[in-house]
Protein backbone atom coordinates (compact mmCIF):
# COMPACT_ATOMS: atom_id res chain seq x y z
CA MET A 1 0.00 0.00 0.00
CA GLU A 2 1.23 3.49 -0.81
CA ILE A 3 0.49 4.71 2.72
CA PHE A 4 3.43 2.76 4.16
CA LYS A 5 6.34 5.20 4.06
CA ALA A 6 9.93 4.96 5.24
CA TYR A 7 9.15 6.73 8.52
CA ASP A 8 5.41 6.31 9.14
CA ILE A 9 1.99 5.55 7.67
CA ARG A 10 0.47 8.51 5.84
CA GLY A 11 -1.80 9.47 2.96
CA LEU A 12 -5.05 11.05 1.82
CA TYR A 13 -7.75 9.74 4.15
CA ASN A 14 -10.60 7.92 2.38
CA ARG A 15 -8.59 7.78 -0.82
CA ASP A 16 -5.26 6.14 0.00
CA PHE A 17 -6.62 4.42 3.10
CA ASN A 18 -9.84 4.21 5.12
CA LYS A 19 -11.25 3.16 8.48
CA ASN A 20 -11.09 -0.54 7.61
CA ASP A 21 -7.38 -0.27 6.86
CA VAL A 22 -6.87 1.57 10.13
CA GLN A 23 -8.69 -1.17 12.05
CA LYS A 24 -6.40 -3.80 10.53
CA ILE A 25 -3.30 -1.77 11.36
CA GLY A 26 -4.51 -1.44 14.94
CA PHE A 27 -5.16 -5.16 15.16
CA PHE A 28 -1.60 -6.08 14.16
CA ILE A 29 0.29 -3.48 16.26
CA PRO A 30 0.12 -5.46 19.55
CA ARG A 31 1.45 -8.56 17.77
CA LEU A 32 4.28 -6.66 16.07
CA LEU A 33 5.44 -4.98 19.27
CA ASN A 34 4.50 -7.69 21.80
CA ALA A 35 2.29 -5.19 23.60
CA LYS A 36 -0.60 -5.69 26.00
CA LYS A 37 -0.99 -1.91 26.35
CA VAL A 38 -0.87 0.64 23.54
CA LEU A 39 -0.64 4.38 24.20
CA VAL A 40 -2.61 6.47 21.69
CA GLY A 41 -2.71 10.24 21.09
CA ARG A 42 -4.22 12.22 18.24
CA ASP A 43 -4.17 15.60 16.56
CA VAL A 44 -7.15 17.82 15.76
CA ARG A 45 -7.62 16.90 12.09
CA THR A 46 -11.25 16.34 11.15
CA SER A 47 -10.58 12.66 10.39
CA SER A 48 -8.62 11.94 13.59
CA ASP A 49 -11.64 11.00 15.71
CA GLU A 50 -12.81 8.37 13.22
CA ILE A 51 -9.29 7.04 12.87
CA PHE A 52 -9.04 6.82 16.66
CA GLU A 53 -12.32 4.89 16.79
CA TYR A 54 -11.23 2.26 14.27
CA LEU A 55 -7.59 2.10 15.35
CA THR A 56 -8.63 1.38 18.92
CA LYS A 57 -11.26 -1.08 17.73
CA GLY A 58 -8.49 -3.07 16.08
CA ILE A 59 -6.16 -2.82 19.08
CA THR A 60 -8.80 -3.94 21.58
CA GLU A 61 -10.01 -6.77 19.30
CA ALA A 62 -6.42 -8.02 19.38
CA GLY A 63 -6.74 -8.23 23.17
CA ALA A 64 -4.66 -5.18 24.11
CA ASP A 65 -5.73 -2.19 26.19
CA VAL A 66 -5.64 1.34 24.78
CA TYR A 67 -4.31 4.12 27.03
CA ASP A 68 -5.93 7.22 25.57
CA ILE A 69 -4.13 10.52 26.18
CA GLY A 70 -6.55 12.42 23.92
CA LEU A 71 -5.40 15.44 21.91
CA ALA A 72 -1.62 15.63 22.00
CA THR A 73 1.51 16.76 20.26
CA THR A 74 3.59 14.00 18.72
CA PRO A 75 6.44 14.62 21.21
CA MET A 76 3.96 14.13 24.08
CA VAL A 77 3.40 10.61 22.75
CA TYR A 78 7.14 9.95 22.44
CA TYR A 79 7.78 11.14 25.99
CA SER A 80 4.89 9.15 27.46
CA THR A 81 5.87 5.97 25.61
CA ALA A 82 9.31 5.94 27.21
CA HIS A 83 8.54 7.62 30.54
CA TYR A 84 5.66 5.28 31.45
CA GLY A 85 7.21 2.15 29.97
CA PHE A 86 4.87 1.33 27.08
CA ASN A 87 5.94 -1.26 24.53
CA ALA A 88 3.86 0.42 21.82
CA SER A 89 2.33 3.78 20.98
CA VAL A 90 0.56 5.47 18.10
CA MET A 91 0.18 9.14 17.28
CA ILE A 92 -2.66 9.85 14.85
CA THR A 93 -1.38 12.72 12.69
CA ALA A 94 -0.24 13.72 9.24
CA SER A 95 2.15 16.24 10.78
CA HIS A 96 2.74 19.08 8.29
CA ASN A 97 0.58 17.76 5.44
CA PRO A 98 -2.62 19.51 4.24
CA LYS A 99 -5.94 18.93 5.99
CA GLU A 100 -7.06 16.07 3.71
CA TYR A 101 -4.19 13.90 4.92
CA ASN A 102 -3.84 11.80 8.03
CA GLY A 103 -1.62 9.01 9.28
CA LEU A 104 -0.03 7.05 12.10
CA LYS A 105 3.36 7.43 13.76
CA ILE A 106 4.16 4.20 15.58
CA SER A 107 6.79 3.79 18.30
CA ARG A 108 8.04 0.80 20.27
CA LYS A 109 9.61 0.50 23.73
CA ASP A 110 11.77 3.48 24.76
CA ALA A 111 10.05 5.56 22.05
CA LEU A 112 12.13 3.91 19.34
CA PRO A 113 10.64 4.67 15.92
CA VAL A 114 8.96 1.97 13.87
CA GLY A 115 9.76 2.59 10.21
CA TYR A 116 9.22 0.51 7.11
CA ASP A 117 12.46 -1.41 7.67
CA THR A 118 11.74 -1.96 11.36
CA GLY A 119 8.17 -3.22 11.37
CA LEU A 120 5.78 -1.35 9.09
CA SER A 121 6.54 -3.77 6.25
CA GLU A 122 5.43 -6.63 8.50
CA ILE A 123 2.09 -4.95 9.21
CA GLU A 124 1.64 -4.30 5.50
CA LYS A 125 2.28 -7.97 4.73
CA TRP A 126 -0.12 -9.22 7.46
CA MET A 127 -2.85 -6.90 6.21
CA GLU A 128 -2.60 -8.48 2.78
CA THR A 129 -2.27 -12.13 3.81
CA GLU A 130 -3.99 -12.67 7.16
CA ILE A 131 -7.56 -12.55 8.47
CA MET A 132 -8.26 -10.76 11.76
CA VAL A 133 -9.63 -13.12 14.41
CA ALA A 134 -10.79 -11.19 17.47
CA SER A 135 -9.42 -12.22 20.85
CA GLU A 136 -11.81 -13.73 23.38
CA ASN A 137 -10.37 -11.29 25.92
CA LYS A 138 -11.13 -7.94 24.36
CA GLY A 139 -9.08 -4.97 25.55
CA LYS A 140 -10.38 -1.76 27.12
CA ILE A 141 -9.96 1.94 26.39
CA ILE A 142 -8.53 3.66 29.46
CA PRO A 143 -8.28 7.48 29.73
CA PHE A 144 -4.70 8.39 30.66
CA GLU A 145 -3.67 11.84 31.91
CA ILE A 146 -0.07 12.83 31.18
CA ARG A 147 -0.23 16.61 30.74
CA ALA A 148 0.95 17.62 34.23
CA ASP A 149 3.97 15.31 34.17
CA TYR A 150 4.89 16.43 30.68
CA LEU A 151 4.74 20.13 31.54
CA ASN A 152 6.86 19.51 34.65
CA PHE A 153 9.50 17.90 32.47
CA MET A 154 9.45 20.73 29.93
CA ARG A 155 9.69 23.40 32.62
CA LYS A 156 13.16 22.14 33.50
CA TYR A 157 14.28 23.90 30.32
CA LEU A 158 12.46 27.14 30.95
CA SER A 159 14.48 30.26 31.57
CA ASP A 160 13.68 33.95 31.76
CA PHE A 161 12.86 35.06 28.20
CA SER A 162 11.30 38.34 29.30
CA ASN A 163 13.94 40.40 27.46
CA LEU A 164 12.85 38.85 24.14
CA LYS A 165 9.89 40.20 22.21
CA MET A 166 8.45 37.18 20.40
CA ALA A 167 5.82 36.36 17.81
CA VAL A 168 4.52 32.78 17.79
CA ASP A 169 2.58 31.08 14.98
CA CYS A 170 0.93 27.87 16.18
CA SER A 171 -0.30 27.01 12.66
CA ASN A 172 -3.71 26.10 14.19
CA GLY A 173 -1.95 22.93 15.33
CA MET A 174 -1.14 21.01 18.46
CA SER A 175 1.50 23.35 19.90
CA SER A 176 -1.49 25.39 21.13
CA LEU A 177 -2.06 22.76 23.82
CA LEU A 178 1.12 23.78 25.65
CA VAL A 179 2.48 27.02 24.31
CA ARG A 180 1.05 29.49 26.84
CA ASP A 181 1.89 27.19 29.74
CA LEU A 182 5.53 27.42 28.69
CA LEU A 183 6.01 30.75 26.90
CA GLY A 184 3.39 32.69 28.86
CA ASN A 185 1.19 35.54 27.65
CA LEU A 186 3.90 38.00 26.58
CA PRO A 187 4.45 36.73 23.00
CA VAL A 188 2.25 37.91 20.16
CA TYR A 189 0.33 34.78 19.17
CA ILE A 190 -1.26 34.09 15.80
CA PHE A 191 -3.34 31.13 14.61
CA GLU A 192 -3.38 29.74 18.11
CA LYS A 193 -6.73 27.96 18.13
CA PRO A 194 -6.41 24.25 17.17
CA ASP A 195 -8.34 23.73 13.94
CA GLY A 196 -7.92 20.64 11.79
CA THR A 197 -9.03 22.49 8.67
CA PHE A 198 -5.95 24.77 8.97
CA PRO A 199 -7.89 27.86 7.85
CA ASN A 200 -4.94 30.26 7.76
CA HIS A 201 -2.13 28.29 6.14
CA GLU A 202 -0.96 24.72 5.77
CA PRO A 203 0.96 23.56 8.86
CA ASN A 204 4.27 23.25 7.02
CA PRO A 205 6.74 26.02 7.93
CA LEU A 206 9.18 25.00 5.19
CA ILE A 207 6.85 26.37 2.50
CA PRO A 208 7.63 30.11 2.25
CA GLU A 209 4.02 31.34 1.98
CA ASN A 210 3.22 29.63 5.29
CA THR A 211 5.61 31.93 7.16
CA ALA A 212 4.41 35.12 5.45
CA ASP A 213 2.02 36.11 8.26
CA LEU A 214 4.62 35.51 10.95
CA LYS A 215 7.16 37.64 9.09
CA LYS A 216 4.66 40.50 8.89
CA VAL A 217 3.95 40.33 12.63
CA VAL A 218 7.66 40.24 13.50
CA LEU A 219 8.29 43.39 11.48
CA LYS A 220 5.13 45.21 12.56
CA GLU A 221 5.64 44.48 16.27
CA HIS A 222 9.44 44.96 16.16
CA CYS A 223 10.02 41.46 17.55
CA ASP A 224 13.41 39.98 18.29
CA ILE A 225 12.35 36.56 17.04
CA GLY A 226 9.46 34.75 15.35
CA VAL A 227 8.61 31.12 16.16
CA ILE A 228 6.48 28.77 14.05
CA PHE A 229 5.46 25.18 14.80
CA ASP A 230 4.21 22.57 12.37
CA GLY A 231 0.90 20.74 12.74
CA ASP A 232 1.89 18.15 15.36
CA ALA A 233 4.62 20.25 17.01
CA ASP A 234 7.48 17.86 16.44
CA ARG A 235 9.16 20.61 14.38
CA VAL A 236 9.89 24.27 15.03
CA MET A 237 11.38 26.99 12.83
CA PHE A 238 12.32 30.62 13.26
CA VAL A 239 12.26 34.06 11.64
CA ASP A 240 14.85 36.66 12.67
CA GLU A 241 14.19 40.28 13.67
CA LYS A 242 14.51 41.36 10.02
CA GLY A 243 11.67 39.02 9.01
CA GLN A 244 14.06 36.57 7.34
CA PHE A 245 13.45 32.82 7.58
CA ILE A 246 16.35 31.00 9.25
CA SER A 247 17.49 27.75 7.65
CA PRO A 248 16.57 25.13 10.30
CA ASP A 249 19.87 23.24 10.07
CA LEU A 250 21.71 26.28 11.44
CA MET A 251 19.79 25.85 14.69
CA ILE A 252 21.83 22.71 15.40
CA ALA A 253 24.72 25.08 16.07
CA VAL A 254 22.52 27.18 18.39
CA LEU A 255 21.74 24.01 20.34
CA GLY A 256 25.49 23.46 20.52
CA ILE A 257 25.92 26.86 22.18
CA TYR A 258 23.41 25.88 24.87
CA PHE A 259 24.81 22.43 25.57
CA SER A 260 28.43 23.60 25.51
CA THR A 261 27.83 25.14 28.93
CA LYS A 262 26.44 21.83 30.25
CA GLU A 263 28.35 18.91 28.79
CA LYS A 264 30.66 18.06 25.92
CA GLY A 265 30.09 15.05 23.70
CA ARG A 266 28.68 14.03 20.35
CA ALA A 267 26.09 15.62 18.11
CA LEU A 268 24.22 14.53 14.98
CA GLN A 269 23.27 16.23 11.73
CA ASP A 270 21.57 14.96 8.60
CA ILE A 271 23.29 14.61 5.26
CA ARG A 272 21.79 17.89 3.96
CA THR A 273 23.11 20.07 6.81
CA SER A 274 25.26 23.10 6.07
CA LYS A 275 28.99 22.57 6.33
CA ALA A 276 29.02 25.66 8.53
CA VAL A 277 27.20 23.78 11.29
CA LYS A 278 29.89 21.12 11.67
CA GLU A 279 32.62 23.75 11.63
CA TYR A 280 30.86 25.82 14.29
CA VAL A 281 29.88 22.96 16.57
CA GLU A 282 33.31 21.35 16.46
CA LYS A 283 34.79 24.66 17.69
CA LEU A 284 32.61 24.09 20.75
CA ASP A 285 34.43 20.78 21.31
CA TYR A 286 31.69 18.50 20.04
CA GLN A 287 32.24 15.60 17.70
CA MET A 288 29.75 15.85 14.84
CA TYR A 289 28.27 12.78 13.17
CA MET A 290 26.28 12.72 9.94
CA TRP A 291 23.44 10.36 9.08
CA ARG A 292 20.31 9.76 7.01
CA VAL A 293 17.22 11.97 6.88
CA GLY A 294 14.20 11.13 9.03
CA ARG A 295 13.31 10.21 12.60
CA ALA A 296 13.33 6.49 11.81
CA TYR A 297 17.08 6.86 11.26
CA ALA A 298 18.13 9.88 13.31
CA ALA A 299 16.65 8.78 16.65
CA LEU A 300 18.35 5.40 16.36
CA LYS A 301 21.69 6.90 15.30
CA LEU A 302 21.74 9.45 18.13
CA ARG A 303 21.17 6.60 20.57
CA GLN A 304 23.87 4.48 18.93
CA ILE A 305 26.52 7.20 19.24
CA ASN A 306 25.22 8.29 22.67
CA GLY A 307 24.86 11.78 21.27
CA LEU A 308 23.66 14.71 23.33
CA PHE A 309 21.58 16.40 20.63
CA GLY A 310 21.03 16.43 16.89
CA GLY A 311 18.97 18.01 14.15
CA GLU A 312 17.83 18.04 10.55
CA LEU A 313 17.32 20.54 7.76
CA ALA A 314 13.56 19.91 8.07
CA GLY A 315 13.44 21.38 11.60
CA HIS A 316 13.48 18.20 13.68
CA TYR A 317 15.72 18.37 16.75
CA TYR A 318 16.59 15.32 18.85
CA PHE A 319 17.74 15.14 22.47
CA ARG A 320 19.34 12.41 24.55
CA ASP A 321 17.37 13.58 27.59
CA PHE A 322 14.14 13.37 25.60
CA TYR A 323 14.61 9.65 24.98
CA TYR A 324 16.58 10.42 21.80
CA SER A 325 13.36 11.74 20.24
CA ASP A 326 12.46 15.04 18.60
CA SER A 327 10.45 17.85 20.15
CA GLY A 328 9.67 21.21 18.60
CA MET A 329 8.71 22.75 21.94
CA LEU A 330 11.81 21.54 23.77
CA ALA A 331 14.02 22.81 20.96
CA CYS A 332 12.18 26.13 21.10
CA LEU A 333 12.81 26.56 24.85
CA ILE A 334 16.52 25.79 24.46
CA ILE A 335 17.00 28.03 21.42
CA LEU A 336 15.15 30.94 23.05
CA ASN A 337 17.46 30.58 26.04
CA VAL A 338 20.45 31.18 23.75
CA PHE A 339 18.84 34.11 21.93
CA SER A 340 17.94 35.71 25.27
CA GLU A 341 21.54 35.43 26.49
CA MET A 342 22.84 36.81 23.20
CA LYS A 343 20.54 39.80 23.40
CA LYS A 344 21.98 40.58 26.85
CA GLN A 345 25.36 40.74 25.11
CA GLY A 346 23.97 43.09 22.46
CA LYS A 347 23.84 40.49 19.71
CA THR A 348 20.73 40.18 17.53
CA VAL A 349 19.41 36.90 16.15
CA SER A 350 20.43 37.81 12.60
CA LYS A 351 23.97 38.64 13.68
CA LEU A 352 24.38 35.33 15.53
CA MET A 353 23.01 33.36 12.58
CA ALA A 354 25.35 35.17 10.18
CA GLU A 355 28.29 34.19 12.40
CA ILE A 356 27.15 30.56 12.33
CA ALA A 357 26.54 30.51 8.56
CA GLY A 358 30.16 31.53 8.09
CA GLY A 359 29.86 32.92 4.56
CA TYR A 360 28.35 29.81 2.93
CA ILE A 361 25.65 30.41 0.30
CA ASN A 362 23.03 27.65 0.20
CA SER A 363 20.73 26.67 -2.66
CA GLY A 364 18.05 25.12 -0.47
CA GLU A 365 16.64 21.76 -1.49
CA ILE A 366 15.60 21.65 -5.17
CA ASN A 367 13.31 18.94 -6.57
CA PHE A 368 13.86 17.52 -10.05
CA LYS A 369 11.11 15.31 -11.50
CA ILE A 370 13.01 12.36 -12.92
CA GLN A 371 12.09 8.71 -13.45
CA GLN A 372 15.66 7.42 -13.90
CA LYS A 373 16.76 8.52 -10.46
CA ALA A 374 19.67 6.12 -9.99
CA GLU A 375 21.18 6.89 -13.40
CA ALA A 376 20.83 10.64 -12.89
CA MET A 377 22.48 10.48 -9.47
CA GLU A 378 25.42 8.56 -10.90
CA ALA A 379 25.80 11.07 -13.70
CA ILE A 380 25.97 14.01 -11.28
CA LYS A 381 28.43 12.24 -8.98
CA ASP A 382 30.71 11.09 -11.80
CA TYR A 383 30.73 14.47 -13.52
CA PHE A 384 31.73 16.54 -10.51
CA MET A 385 34.16 14.00 -9.04
CA GLY A 386 35.81 13.94 -12.46
CA GLN A 387 36.18 17.74 -12.41
CA GLU A 388 38.02 18.15 -9.10
CA LYS A 389 39.29 16.18 -6.14
CA ALA A 390 36.68 15.54 -3.46
CA THR A 391 37.65 16.27 0.15
CA ALA A 392 34.86 14.03 1.55
CA PHE A 393 32.39 11.50 0.14
CA TYR A 394 29.29 9.97 1.76
CA ASP A 395 27.14 7.36 0.04
CA PHE A 396 24.15 6.88 2.34
CA ASP A 397 20.87 8.65 1.57
CA GLY A 398 22.10 9.38 -1.91
CA TYR A 399 25.48 11.08 -2.20
CA ARG A 400 27.11 13.96 -0.39
CA VAL A 401 30.31 15.06 -2.07
CA GLU A 402 32.45 17.83 -0.58
CA PHE A 403 35.09 19.87 -2.40
CA ARG A 404 37.36 22.67 -1.22
CA ASP A 405 34.93 25.55 -1.87
CA TRP A 406 31.57 23.84 -2.24
CA TRP A 407 29.60 20.62 -1.72
CA PHE A 408 26.39 18.96 -2.85
CA ASN A 409 23.91 16.31 -1.74
CA ILE A 410 21.72 14.45 -4.21
CA ARG A 411 19.19 11.92 -2.93
CA PRO A 412 16.11 10.14 -4.25
CA SER A 413 12.63 10.63 -2.84
CA ASN A 414 11.34 7.43 -1.23
CA THR A 415 7.80 7.93 -2.51
CA GLU A 416 7.85 10.20 -5.57
CA PRO A 417 9.68 10.43 -8.92
CA TYR A 418 11.92 13.19 -7.61
CA LEU A 419 15.59 13.72 -7.09
CA ARG A 420 16.32 16.18 -4.31
CA PHE A 421 19.43 18.30 -4.83
CA LEU A 422 21.12 20.74 -2.48
CA ALA A 423 24.40 22.60 -2.84
CA GLU A 424 26.42 25.11 -0.86
CA ALA A 425 29.37 27.26 -1.88
CA LEU A 426 31.57 30.02 -0.54
CA SER A 427 30.36 32.46 -3.21
CA ARG A 428 27.12 33.12 -5.10
CA ASP A 429 28.93 33.00 -8.46
CA LEU A 430 30.36 29.55 -7.74
CA LEU A 431 27.00 28.24 -6.54
CA ASP A 432 25.20 29.59 -9.61
CA LYS A 433 27.82 28.01 -11.88
CA LYS A 434 27.41 24.60 -10.25
CA LEU A 435 23.60 24.79 -10.35
CA ALA A 436 23.73 25.58 -14.06
CA GLU A 437 25.88 22.50 -14.62
CA VAL A 438 23.48 20.35 -12.60
CA ASN A 439 20.50 21.58 -14.62
CA ARG A 440 22.33 20.81 -17.86
CA ILE A 441 23.19 17.25 -16.78
CA LEU A 442 19.77 16.42 -15.37
CA ALA A 443 17.99 17.76 -18.47
CA GLN A 444 19.12 14.56 -20.22
CA PHE A 445 17.00 12.47 -17.85
CA LYS A 446 13.71 14.40 -17.93
């Protein structure tokens, strides 16, 4: 089924999947994860209640109990899975996708992600080959309150932000459940009411038009910083005091500033992350590791290296003390702490980010619609590695090839006929030259 992705289950509800599919998925989760109890949370999308009904019908028919935490952010589910010792959990959400979408994020013991390679393929196979036979001992649905414990945990990272003037865009998503408890009433809030129709903009901060309103508020109110969460609050992104969107990978370096005063160790970035981040973080005496894109890979890798923190270009940030999982709100609290301290030193957000960026010019991720993805990737790699000597080469998640003055990453989409290309150079002229060469090469494959 097309809904089974590398990291989760997701698609257009009542087109790509329906309530009967959800019931089957629920039925097989306890078997996959050897679970007698399954924690379940959900977002506010209009289809989430029906999905909850049929997901829990499947789980209870399999003989497992459902612990229902109600409306939640995805990180609330991760935290509760590990903190309360559940072997299985499900968050009903399509994260940043438009309102017509929905899906399921499944975790196992210790909030470890269940991706296609680590269990979702098994559920897909069972759905196609096995008949559901309800258990004689049907499970129950048990309301489970976790909000107070979760807020107590998050408050450990609170500091005095009162010197920062902030604008916060909740994207009509799940961050609204917690944001005033943690950031208080001083920020200028927009689109705060949870609304699964997302009436103001899609809950994806990476799309430029979705940050347009936040940028306007930042400039109008003379804010120091703008904050925007995605639909399920596992991601957070920022706008500086000039109304400029900040590339999310640069925030990994800001996290490094915070943790450098606490503990030294290892950090993680994804294969698309700016070279400037590694250079900056390693000056703070961290050892930087690089790995594949997506929680299904990043959370496991951070645990494997016993890393302190990590992040991705897409605005996910992972923390050892958050069970190696990602949390937009936790990242927000930590990053605001750094910006507050910098303001006390007379340094604006834009100035700090310019220092971190270190002169690199970034193309951003560019999508090329190509059917012959493997052949096109090889052509790009061979061409540029034939032009000059590479200083570093990585061959997971596509290719990342680094040269003296520039680097690129080219990787295939898991679900669409796209190649995703990103490059960075020490000058705009060099970057433009390389992008022109890429366009010329890839034109042969369109």
